[in-house]
Amino acid sequence: MLRYGDFEKIVGKTETYFRATVEGPNHALEVYVYQDEAGYMLDGKRWTIFEKPDYRSENELLEAFLKSLREKLLDIAK
């Protein structure tokens, strides 16, 4: 079973982003969404990022991020 918090708006010195946390039985996942990128960090050390220059469009970036995030959530739910 997964436990999760709502996205929290973080206002930094140079940019604003949203952060949420998800906890599974053995792992914790932090999810970050910026204006031009998104990513997640597993257990505070394994960072996976999706940056605008790596994709042809924002939709392609979002689709890749959501697919990867969905797979990671299924993994940590075990």
Protein backbone atom coordinates (compact mmCIF):
# COMPACT_ATOMS: atom_id res chain seq x y z
CA MET A 1 0.00 0.00 0.00
CA LEU A 2 1.22 3.49 -0.83
CA ARG A 3 0.94 6.55 1.39
CA TYR A 4 1.19 9.90 -0.31
CA GLY A 5 0.89 13.61 0.36
CA ASP A 6 -0.58 16.32 -1.80
CA PHE A 7 1.66 18.40 -4.01
CA GLU A 8 3.15 21.33 -2.13
CA LYS A 9 4.10 24.55 -3.91
CA ILE A 10 7.73 25.49 -3.19
CA VAL A 11 8.80 29.06 -3.94
CA GLY A 12 12.57 29.17 -4.31
CA LYS A 13 14.96 32.05 -4.95
CA THR A 14 15.01 31.52 -8.72
CA GLU A 15 12.06 29.26 -9.49
CA THR A 16 8.85 27.78 -8.19
CA TYR A 17 8.07 24.07 -8.31
CA PHE A 18 5.75 21.46 -6.84
CA ARG A 19 6.84 18.58 -4.63
CA ALA A 20 5.01 15.52 -3.30
CA THR A 21 6.12 12.44 -1.44
CA VAL A 22 5.01 8.84 -1.78
CA GLU A 23 5.96 6.09 0.64
CA GLY A 24 5.75 2.38 0.00
CA PRO A 25 6.53 -0.53 2.31
CA ASN A 26 10.30 -0.32 1.68
CA HIS A 27 10.93 2.86 -0.31
CA ALA A 28 10.20 6.57 -0.38
CA LEU A 29 9.76 8.59 -3.56
CA GLU A 30 9.91 12.39 -3.86
CA VAL A 31 8.24 13.79 -6.98
CA TYR A 32 9.18 17.21 -8.39
CA VAL A 33 7.43 19.17 -11.14
CA TYR A 34 8.97 22.37 -12.52
CA GLN A 35 7.77 24.59 -15.34
CA ASP A 36 10.15 22.98 -17.86
CA GLU A 37 11.13 19.66 -16.27
CA ALA A 38 10.00 16.96 -13.89
CA GLY A 39 11.65 14.20 -11.95
CA TYR A 40 11.66 11.95 -8.95
CA MET A 41 14.13 10.80 -6.35
CA LEU A 42 14.04 7.30 -4.89
CA ASP A 43 15.12 6.93 -1.27
CA GLY A 44 16.80 10.33 -1.28
CA LYS A 45 19.60 9.26 -3.60
CA ARG A 46 18.52 7.96 -7.02
CA TRP A 47 17.44 10.93 -9.16
CA THR A 48 15.55 10.46 -12.44
CA ILE A 49 14.95 13.65 -14.42
CA PHE A 50 13.03 14.60 -17.54
CA GLU A 51 14.31 17.86 -19.06
CA LYS A 52 12.84 19.92 -21.89
CA PRO A 53 15.94 19.79 -24.17
CA ASP A 54 15.72 15.98 -24.25
CA TYR A 55 12.23 15.92 -25.81
CA ARG A 56 10.63 17.30 -28.96
CA SER A 57 7.68 18.76 -27.08
CA GLU A 58 6.30 19.36 -23.61
CA ASN A 59 3.72 16.64 -24.26
CA GLU A 60 6.45 14.12 -25.06
CA LEU A 61 8.29 15.07 -21.86
CA LEU A 62 5.11 14.75 -19.81
CA GLU A 63 4.22 11.38 -21.34
CA ALA A 64 7.70 9.98 -20.66
CA PHE A 65 7.69 11.31 -17.09
CA LEU A 66 4.24 9.92 -16.28
CA LYS A 67 5.04 6.52 -17.79
CA SER A 68 8.25 6.24 -15.80
CA LEU A 69 6.61 7.53 -12.62
CA ARG A 70 3.74 5.05 -12.97
CA GLU A 71 6.23 2.17 -13.32
CA LYS A 72 8.23 3.36 -10.31
CA LEU A 73 5.09 3.69 -8.19
CA LEU A 74 4.11 0.13 -9.06
CA ASP A 75 7.61 -1.01 -8.04
CA ILE A 76 7.60 0.71 -4.65
CA ALA A 77 4.07 -0.48 -3.87
CA LYS A 78 5.34 -4.08 -3.68
